[in-house]
Amino acid sequence: MRDETKCLHSGYTPKNSEPRVVPIVQSTTYVYDSTEEVASVFDEPTKSLIYSRFANPTVMAVEEKIAELEGGVGAMCTTSGQAATLLSILNICNAGDSFISLTEIYGGTVNLFSYTLKKLGIECIYVDKYASEEEINKAFKKNTKAVFGETIANPALSVLDFEKFSRIAHENGVPLIVDNTFATPVLCKPFEHGADIVIHSTTKYMDGHAVQVGGVIVDSGNFDWTNGKFPELVEPDESYHGISYVENYGKAAYIVKARMQLMRDFGCYPAAHSAFLLNLGLETLAIRMKQYCENATAVAKYFEKSDKIESVTYPGLKGDENYELAQKYLKGASGVISLNIKGGRENAIKFMDALKLASNEVHVADIRTCVLHPASETHRQLTDEQLVAAGIEGGMVRFSVGLENIDDIIEDIQQALNAI
């Protein structure tokens, strides 16, 4: 099936007389005929459902759909994108370990990596995406367990050079973990370009309607966890009856470990109703992404022509420094634009406050046009040095183009620019 068909049919196939739409199984528990049967599921959790902190039929249908869209062997939904990011790292990093991340990533992820994980004894080593391979290789330590990046960085909108970073990661025996939120599998399938693990904030384009927060981790099944660097996936897990994830689950070892260990202990599994809403968004994802790209390209070109705009960053624009990478890895540059307004922070705020159609909100990748000021809002916890490293200036505005009529969006932009 192609993506448009997968969005509608993957994950759930009704049998004779069953509901056409994925049903909401609003239950925490599942009944068994005997104690022995319950015990057997504790021994082998993938055998059947036992408790909705691990798995739920509605959520599982969505997980399967996303795994098929990404081309992975399995997926696990979480209650937020941040939870997905956290678990993707904790699944292979222990206290005393390190991992490498590109500097141009979401501000909330920087905070997670730089402070919260540091408290847990896990070091994040930042590298510049433009650094030479030799320089990046020098950043690796004996305890480095992964490389992390974003397909389209938020809000810098730089495009990940998959070939470069997958090669570096694999030469050092570690997986490449990629946040594919802004691209979605409709515009980019990271596994086809060497990534090993993909995460999403499903709150964004996948949901599309700003109705529920969520995240997901997808396992490609391609990484060799038996290279000696990841004994916790190979050696018996004493917390789960001595199971060896690689031996018992093969290519799905990573995602099964994440569910059996981390979801068991952290319990950040989404509710069935949240998954039902996410599935509604996924059903239109393929057609929405095409329109986001079309609208955003028109808006980016309009901003380029304004004498009140210092610069426009959108990988879909010819002349953008990431245009060639976008052409290589993406089927479209998504719907988010970064622009720097002349006059810095003061004029950026004037512009935003004057918008009438576009919503000033702490969100992005919505079905409706929305806008925010990263330096004042989503990234305000970063130092000035971190802001610069993340590619954020005082005049930067993140403009998320929605699906309104393009003429209405542009008219709103023009009247707001007139307010400067």
Protein backbone atom coordinates (compact mmCIF):
# COMPACT_ATOMS: atom_id res chain seq x y z
CA MET A 1 0.00 0.00 0.00
CA ARG A 2 1.04 3.60 -0.64
CA ASP A 3 1.01 6.15 2.16
CA GLU A 4 -2.44 7.56 1.37
CA THR A 5 -3.87 4.04 1.65
CA LYS A 6 -1.84 3.13 4.74
CA CYS A 7 -3.18 6.23 6.51
CA LEU A 8 -6.68 4.85 6.08
CA HIS A 9 -6.24 1.07 6.32
CA SER A 10 -3.09 0.12 8.24
CA GLY A 11 -3.30 -1.03 11.83
CA TYR A 12 -6.88 -2.24 11.86
CA THR A 13 -8.83 -4.57 9.58
CA PRO A 14 -12.41 -5.28 10.70
CA LYS A 15 -13.69 -8.82 10.42
CA ASN A 16 -17.21 -9.77 9.43
CA SER A 17 -19.80 -7.55 11.20
CA GLU A 18 -17.11 -5.68 13.20
CA PRO A 19 -16.93 -1.86 13.37
CA ARG A 20 -15.47 -0.14 10.30
CA VAL A 21 -13.76 2.52 12.46
CA VAL A 22 -11.12 1.60 15.04
CA PRO A 23 -13.15 1.06 18.24
CA ILE A 24 -12.26 2.76 21.51
CA VAL A 25 -11.44 0.04 24.04
CA GLN A 26 -11.80 2.13 27.18
CA SER A 27 -10.59 -0.43 29.69
CA THR A 28 -7.53 -0.72 31.90
CA THR A 29 -7.79 -4.47 32.40
CA TYR A 30 -8.40 -7.73 30.56
CA VAL A 31 -10.01 -10.86 31.98
CA TYR A 32 -8.55 -14.39 31.90
CA ASP A 33 -10.04 -17.78 32.68
CA SER A 34 -7.23 -18.93 34.97
CA THR A 35 -4.35 -17.76 37.15
CA GLU A 36 -2.02 -19.83 35.00
CA GLU A 37 -2.96 -17.86 31.90
CA VAL A 38 -2.32 -14.55 33.66
CA ALA A 39 1.05 -15.83 34.86
CA SER A 40 2.01 -16.88 31.33
CA VAL A 41 1.41 -13.33 30.08
CA PHE A 42 3.66 -11.94 32.80
CA ASP A 43 6.32 -14.34 31.58
CA GLU A 44 5.74 -13.31 27.96
CA PRO A 45 4.02 -9.89 27.77
CA THR A 46 3.82 -9.89 23.98
CA LYS A 47 1.61 -12.99 24.17
CA SER A 48 -1.55 -11.11 25.06
CA LEU A 49 -2.99 -7.99 26.70
CA ILE A 50 -2.90 -7.77 30.47
CA TYR A 51 -2.96 -4.11 31.52
CA SER A 52 -3.31 -0.83 29.64
CA ARG A 53 -0.12 0.61 31.10
CA PHE A 54 1.65 -1.67 28.58
CA ALA A 55 -0.76 -1.94 25.69
CA ASN A 56 -4.34 -1.28 24.64
CA PRO A 57 -6.11 -2.45 21.46
CA THR A 58 -6.97 1.07 20.26
CA VAL A 59 -3.44 2.33 20.87
CA MET A 60 -1.94 -0.78 19.30
CA ALA A 61 -3.86 -0.15 16.07
CA VAL A 62 -2.32 3.32 15.88
CA GLU A 63 1.13 1.96 16.73
CA GLU A 64 0.91 -0.54 13.90
CA LYS A 65 -0.24 2.13 11.46
CA ILE A 66 2.67 4.43 12.33
CA ALA A 67 5.16 1.54 12.16
CA GLU A 68 3.92 0.69 8.66
CA LEU A 69 4.09 4.32 7.54
CA GLU A 70 7.70 4.56 8.77
CA GLY A 71 8.66 1.09 7.55
CA GLY A 72 9.61 -0.17 11.01
CA VAL A 73 9.18 -3.48 12.83
CA GLY A 74 7.24 -1.97 15.71
CA ALA A 75 6.19 1.20 17.49
CA MET A 76 5.26 2.31 20.99
CA CYS A 77 3.08 5.34 21.67
CA THR A 78 3.71 7.62 24.63
CA THR A 79 1.86 10.46 26.32
CA SER A 80 4.02 13.15 24.70
CA GLY A 81 6.86 13.74 22.30
CA GLN A 82 9.11 14.54 25.24
CA ALA A 83 8.31 11.16 26.77
CA ALA A 84 9.20 9.47 23.48
CA THR A 85 12.51 11.33 23.35
CA LEU A 86 13.31 10.47 26.95
CA LEU A 87 12.54 6.76 26.59
CA SER A 88 14.39 6.48 23.29
CA ILE A 89 17.58 7.51 25.11
CA LEU A 90 16.98 5.70 28.41
CA ASN A 91 16.36 2.47 26.52
CA ILE A 92 20.07 2.26 25.65
CA CYS A 93 21.83 4.74 27.99
CA ASN A 94 22.59 4.14 31.65
CA ALA A 95 24.15 6.38 34.29
CA GLY A 96 27.75 6.95 33.21
CA ASP A 97 26.95 6.78 29.49
CA SER A 98 26.91 9.55 26.92
CA PHE A 99 25.28 10.28 23.58
CA ILE A 100 25.81 12.83 20.84
CA SER A 101 23.21 15.33 19.66
CA LEU A 102 23.18 18.01 17.01
CA THR A 103 22.90 21.52 18.45
CA GLU A 104 19.96 22.50 16.23
CA ILE A 105 17.11 20.72 17.98
CA TYR A 106 13.92 21.68 19.81
CA GLY A 107 14.50 23.82 22.91
CA GLY A 108 12.57 21.48 25.19
CA THR A 109 14.79 18.63 24.03
CA VAL A 110 17.89 20.71 24.80
CA ASN A 111 16.59 21.21 28.33
CA LEU A 112 15.88 17.47 28.69
CA PHE A 113 19.32 16.52 27.41
CA SER A 114 21.34 19.23 29.15
CA TYR A 115 19.75 19.22 32.59
CA THR A 116 17.36 16.37 33.35
CA LEU A 117 19.43 13.59 31.79
CA LYS A 118 22.55 15.11 33.33
CA LYS A 119 20.94 14.64 36.76
CA LEU A 120 20.54 10.97 35.87
CA GLY A 121 24.25 10.69 35.05
CA ILE A 122 23.85 10.66 31.26
CA GLU A 123 25.97 13.14 29.31
CA CYS A 124 24.86 14.82 26.10
CA ILE A 125 27.72 15.89 23.82
CA TYR A 126 26.61 18.53 21.31
CA VAL A 127 28.05 18.80 17.81
CA ASP A 128 27.46 21.25 14.98
CA LYS A 129 25.79 19.76 11.91
CA TYR A 130 28.34 21.55 9.73
CA ALA A 131 31.35 20.19 11.62
CA SER A 132 33.69 17.89 9.73
CA GLU A 133 33.39 14.14 10.18
CA GLU A 134 36.81 14.14 11.78
CA GLU A 135 35.70 16.71 14.34
CA ILE A 136 32.48 14.86 15.10
CA ASN A 137 34.31 11.55 15.48
CA LYS A 138 36.51 13.16 18.12
CA ALA A 139 33.40 13.87 20.19
CA PHE A 140 32.73 10.16 20.67
CA LYS A 141 33.77 8.49 23.92
CA LYS A 142 33.98 4.83 24.85
CA ASN A 143 30.65 5.22 26.66
CA THR A 144 28.81 6.96 23.78
CA LYS A 145 25.64 5.04 22.90
CA ALA A 146 23.76 7.03 20.23
CA VAL A 147 23.59 9.97 17.84
CA PHE A 148 20.47 12.16 17.91
CA GLY A 149 19.13 14.66 15.37
CA GLU A 150 15.95 16.07 13.83
CA THR A 151 14.92 15.56 10.21
CA ILE A 152 13.84 19.21 10.04
CA ALA A 153 15.16 21.05 13.08
CA ASN A 154 12.72 23.02 15.22
CA PRO A 155 12.82 26.03 14.82
CA ALA A 156 16.07 26.44 12.84
CA LEU A 157 14.60 24.37 9.95
CA SER A 158 17.95 22.89 9.01
CA VAL A 159 17.73 19.49 7.30
CA LEU A 160 19.62 16.52 8.70
CA ASP A 161 22.34 15.13 6.47
CA PHE A 162 21.29 11.51 6.96
CA GLU A 163 24.12 10.06 4.90
CA LYS A 164 26.76 11.87 6.91
CA PHE A 165 25.39 11.23 10.39
CA SER A 166 24.24 7.66 9.83
CA ARG A 167 27.70 6.83 8.51
CA ILE A 168 29.38 8.44 11.53
CA ALA A 169 27.03 6.73 13.97
CA HIS A 170 27.44 3.29 12.42
CA GLU A 171 31.21 3.57 12.10
CA ASN A 172 31.22 4.15 15.86
CA GLY A 173 28.87 1.23 16.51
CA VAL A 174 25.87 3.24 17.73
CA PRO A 175 22.35 3.88 16.36
CA LEU A 176 21.11 7.09 14.77
CA ILE A 177 17.94 8.32 16.50
CA VAL A 178 15.92 10.83 14.49
CA ASP A 179 13.02 13.07 15.48
CA ASN A 180 10.84 13.04 12.36
CA THR A 181 8.07 15.27 13.73
CA PHE A 182 8.13 18.10 11.18
CA ALA A 183 8.56 15.88 8.13
CA THR A 184 6.33 12.95 9.15
CA PRO A 185 6.75 9.69 7.21
CA VAL A 186 4.81 11.25 4.35
CA LEU A 187 7.67 13.64 3.52
CA CYS A 188 10.62 11.59 4.79
CA LYS A 189 11.23 8.00 5.82
CA PRO A 190 14.44 8.17 7.87
CA PHE A 191 14.93 4.38 7.86
CA GLU A 192 15.47 4.54 4.11
CA HIS A 193 18.37 6.94 4.72
CA GLY A 194 20.20 5.07 7.48
CA ALA A 195 18.36 6.03 10.68
CA ASP A 196 17.75 3.25 13.20
CA ILE A 197 15.16 4.68 15.59
CA VAL A 198 12.53 7.33 14.82
CA ILE A 199 10.52 9.38 17.28
CA HIS A 200 7.66 11.83 16.82
CA SER A 201 5.71 14.34 18.76
CA THR A 202 2.38 13.10 17.42
CA THR A 203 0.89 16.28 18.90
CA LYS A 204 1.99 18.08 15.74
CA TYR A 205 1.20 17.11 12.14
CA MET A 206 0.18 13.52 12.90
CA ASP A 207 -2.68 14.70 15.10
CA GLY A 208 -3.00 17.94 13.15
CA HIS A 209 -5.95 19.37 15.05
CA ALA A 210 -4.41 20.34 18.41
CA VAL A 211 -6.70 18.07 20.39
CA GLN A 212 -4.31 15.73 22.21
CA VAL A 213 -0.66 15.51 23.23
CA GLY A 214 1.27 12.38 22.29
CA GLY A 215 4.47 10.81 21.08
CA VAL A 216 5.74 7.62 19.50
CA ILE A 217 8.96 5.61 19.13
CA VAL A 218 9.46 3.48 16.01
CA ASP A 219 12.10 0.74 15.69
CA SER A 220 13.59 0.04 12.26
CA GLY A 221 14.78 -3.42 13.32
CA ASN A 222 17.99 -2.79 11.37
CA PHE A 223 20.55 -2.06 14.07
CA ASP A 224 22.84 -4.83 15.35
CA TRP A 225 22.57 -4.68 19.14
CA THR A 226 25.04 -7.58 19.54
CA ASN A 227 28.15 -5.51 18.74
CA GLY A 228 29.22 -5.48 22.40
CA LYS A 229 28.09 -1.95 23.25
CA PHE A 230 24.57 -2.85 24.39
CA PRO A 231 24.70 -5.76 26.86
CA GLU A 232 21.31 -4.79 28.33
CA LEU A 233 19.66 -5.90 25.09
CA VAL A 234 21.66 -9.12 24.86
CA GLU A 235 22.20 -10.34 28.40
CA PRO A 236 19.35 -11.69 30.57
CA ASP A 237 17.08 -9.01 32.07
CA GLU A 238 16.74 -9.97 35.74
CA SER A 239 13.79 -7.62 36.10
CA TYR A 240 11.88 -9.71 33.57
CA HIS A 241 12.53 -13.37 34.32
CA GLY A 242 15.94 -13.40 32.65
CA ILE A 243 14.68 -12.65 29.14
CA SER A 244 17.27 -11.73 26.50
CA TYR A 245 15.60 -9.22 24.20
CA VAL A 246 17.77 -9.96 21.19
CA GLU A 247 17.46 -13.71 21.63
CA ASN A 248 13.71 -13.67 22.24
CA TYR A 249 12.56 -10.85 19.98
CA GLY A 250 15.23 -10.52 17.29
CA LYS A 251 14.79 -7.43 15.15
CA ALA A 252 12.15 -6.03 17.52
CA ALA A 253 14.47 -6.23 20.56
CA TYR A 254 14.74 -2.46 21.07
CA ILE A 255 11.03 -1.63 20.95
CA VAL A 256 10.03 -4.66 23.06
CA LYS A 257 12.59 -3.69 25.71
CA ALA A 258 11.21 -0.16 25.72
CA ARG A 259 7.72 -1.49 26.41
CA MET A 260 8.63 -4.24 28.88
CA GLN A 261 11.11 -2.22 30.91
CA LEU A 262 10.48 1.49 30.53
CA MET A 263 6.74 1.63 29.92
CA ARG A 264 6.33 -0.81 32.78
CA ASP A 265 8.25 1.49 35.12
CA PHE A 266 7.35 4.98 33.82
CA GLY A 267 3.77 4.29 32.79
CA CYS A 268 3.55 7.08 30.20
CA TYR A 269 1.16 5.20 27.91
CA PRO A 270 -1.64 7.15 26.18
CA ALA A 271 -5.32 6.60 26.82
CA ALA A 272 -7.45 4.79 24.27
CA HIS A 273 -9.48 7.91 23.49
CA SER A 274 -6.30 9.90 22.79
CA ALA A 275 -5.18 7.22 20.34
CA PHE A 276 -8.62 7.27 18.69
CA LEU A 277 -8.27 11.03 18.08
CA LEU A 278 -4.72 10.58 16.82
CA ASN A 279 -5.94 7.99 14.35
CA LEU A 280 -8.47 10.44 12.93
CA GLY A 281 -5.62 12.84 12.27
CA LEU A 282 -3.48 10.13 10.70
CA GLU A 283 -6.23 9.25 8.26
CA THR A 284 -5.82 12.62 6.49
CA LEU A 285 -2.07 13.03 7.08
CA ALA A 286 -0.95 12.28 3.52
CA ILE A 287 -3.27 14.78 1.87
CA ARG A 288 -2.72 17.43 4.57
CA MET A 289 1.07 17.32 4.25
CA LYS A 290 0.86 18.06 0.53
CA GLN A 291 -1.28 21.15 1.16
CA TYR A 292 0.92 22.35 4.04
CA CYS A 293 3.90 22.26 1.70
CA GLU A 294 2.05 24.11 -1.06
CA ASN A 295 0.77 26.85 1.27
CA ALA A 296 4.09 27.25 3.06
CA THR A 297 6.01 27.63 -0.19
CA ALA A 298 3.68 30.45 -1.25
CA VAL A 299 3.99 32.17 2.15
CA ALA A 300 7.79 31.82 2.21
CA LYS A 301 8.05 33.42 -1.23
CA TYR A 302 5.79 36.26 -0.06
CA PHE A 303 7.97 36.91 3.00
CA GLU A 304 11.06 36.96 0.77
CA LYS A 305 9.66 39.92 -1.17
CA SER A 306 8.98 42.09 1.91
CA ASP A 307 11.46 44.84 2.79
CA LYS A 308 10.55 44.38 6.47
CA ILE A 309 11.93 40.85 6.57
CA GLU A 310 15.66 40.40 7.13
CA SER A 311 15.75 36.72 6.18
CA VAL A 312 13.50 33.75 5.49
CA THR A 313 14.44 30.17 6.28
CA TYR A 314 12.46 27.47 4.51
CA PRO A 315 14.16 24.41 3.02
CA GLY A 316 11.77 24.47 0.09
CA LEU A 317 13.09 27.80 -1.19
CA LYS A 318 15.75 27.78 -3.86
CA GLY A 319 18.74 29.53 -2.39
CA ASP A 320 18.07 28.27 1.14
CA GLU A 321 21.24 26.70 2.54
CA ASN A 322 19.32 23.48 3.18
CA TYR A 323 17.59 23.35 -0.19
CA GLU A 324 19.87 20.67 -1.64
CA LEU A 325 19.50 18.45 1.43
CA ALA A 326 15.74 18.94 1.26
CA GLN A 327 15.72 17.88 -2.37
CA LYS A 328 17.79 14.83 -1.48
CA TYR A 329 15.84 13.58 1.54
CA LEU A 330 12.39 15.20 1.56
CA LYS A 331 9.28 15.00 -0.61
CA GLY A 332 8.34 18.47 0.61
CA ALA A 333 9.68 20.99 3.11
CA SER A 334 6.67 20.82 5.48
CA GLY A 335 4.63 23.80 6.66
CA VAL A 336 6.85 25.66 9.13
CA ILE A 337 8.81 28.80 8.20
CA SER A 338 11.38 30.68 10.26
CA LEU A 339 11.85 34.36 9.53
CA ASN A 340 13.85 37.16 11.05
CA ILE A 341 12.10 40.51 11.14
CA LYS A 342 14.14 43.69 10.82
CA GLY A 343 14.30 45.54 14.12
CA GLY A 344 14.70 42.41 16.21
CA ARG A 345 12.55 41.29 19.12
CA GLU A 346 10.44 44.47 19.35
CA ASN A 347 9.25 44.39 15.75
CA ALA A 348 8.79 40.62 15.80
CA ILE A 349 6.38 40.99 18.69
CA LYS A 350 4.56 43.88 16.96
CA PHE A 351 4.06 41.72 13.89
CA MET A 352 2.79 38.76 15.87
CA ASP A 353 0.40 40.80 18.00
CA ALA A 354 -1.11 42.38 14.88
CA LEU A 355 -2.05 39.06 13.26
CA LYS A 356 -5.78 38.34 13.21
CA LEU A 357 -6.22 35.04 11.38
CA ALA A 358 -3.05 33.38 12.66
CA SER A 359 -3.16 32.33 16.30
CA ASN A 360 -0.37 33.39 18.67
CA GLU A 361 0.06 30.16 20.57
CA VAL A 362 2.63 27.75 21.88
CA HIS A 363 2.04 25.20 19.19
CA VAL A 364 3.11 24.38 15.69
CA ALA A 365 2.12 22.09 12.81
CA ASP A 366 -1.58 22.63 13.31
CA ILE A 367 -4.40 22.57 10.76
CA ARG A 368 -4.77 26.31 11.49
CA THR A 369 -2.06 28.91 10.95
CA CYS A 370 -0.22 29.71 14.16
CA VAL A 371 2.81 31.75 15.12
CA LEU A 372 5.20 32.08 18.04
CA HIS A 373 8.36 33.87 19.13
CA PRO A 374 10.91 31.18 20.12
CA ALA A 375 13.27 33.45 22.09
CA SER A 376 10.41 34.65 24.31
CA GLU A 377 8.35 31.47 24.44
CA THR A 378 9.39 27.89 23.63
CA HIS A 379 13.14 28.49 23.98
CA ARG A 380 13.13 31.10 26.75
CA GLN A 381 14.83 28.64 29.13
CA LEU A 382 17.97 28.66 26.96
CA THR A 383 20.95 30.92 27.58
CA ASP A 384 21.94 33.48 24.93
CA GLU A 385 24.75 31.16 23.87
CA GLN A 386 22.36 28.22 23.53
CA LEU A 387 19.94 30.38 21.54
CA VAL A 388 22.70 31.21 19.07
CA ALA A 389 23.73 27.56 18.87
CA ALA A 390 20.12 26.61 18.15
CA GLY A 391 19.98 29.21 15.38
CA ILE A 392 17.56 31.53 17.20
CA GLU A 393 17.72 35.33 17.05
CA GLY A 394 15.58 37.94 18.80
CA GLY A 395 13.74 38.81 15.60
CA MET A 396 12.98 35.20 14.72
CA VAL A 397 9.35 34.25 14.29
CA ARG A 398 8.22 30.69 13.75
CA PHE A 399 5.33 30.77 11.31
CA SER A 400 3.34 27.54 10.99
CA VAL A 401 1.21 27.71 7.88
CA GLY A 402 -2.21 26.12 8.15
CA LEU A 403 -4.77 24.94 5.64
CA GLU A 404 -6.79 28.14 5.31
CA ASN A 405 -7.19 29.66 1.86
CA ILE A 406 -3.74 30.91 0.88
CA ASP A 407 -5.04 34.37 -0.07
CA ASP A 408 -6.51 34.83 3.42
CA ILE A 409 -3.22 33.82 5.05
CA ILE A 410 -1.22 36.26 2.94
CA GLU A 411 -3.68 39.12 3.52
CA ASP A 412 -3.32 38.58 7.27
CA ILE A 413 0.47 38.65 6.95
CA GLN A 414 0.40 41.88 4.96
CA GLN A 415 -1.79 43.78 7.41
CA ALA A 416 0.42 42.60 10.29
CA LEU A 417 3.57 43.73 8.49
CA ASN A 418 1.92 47.12 8.03
CA ALA A 419 1.79 47.43 11.83
CA ILE A 420 5.59 47.50 12.06
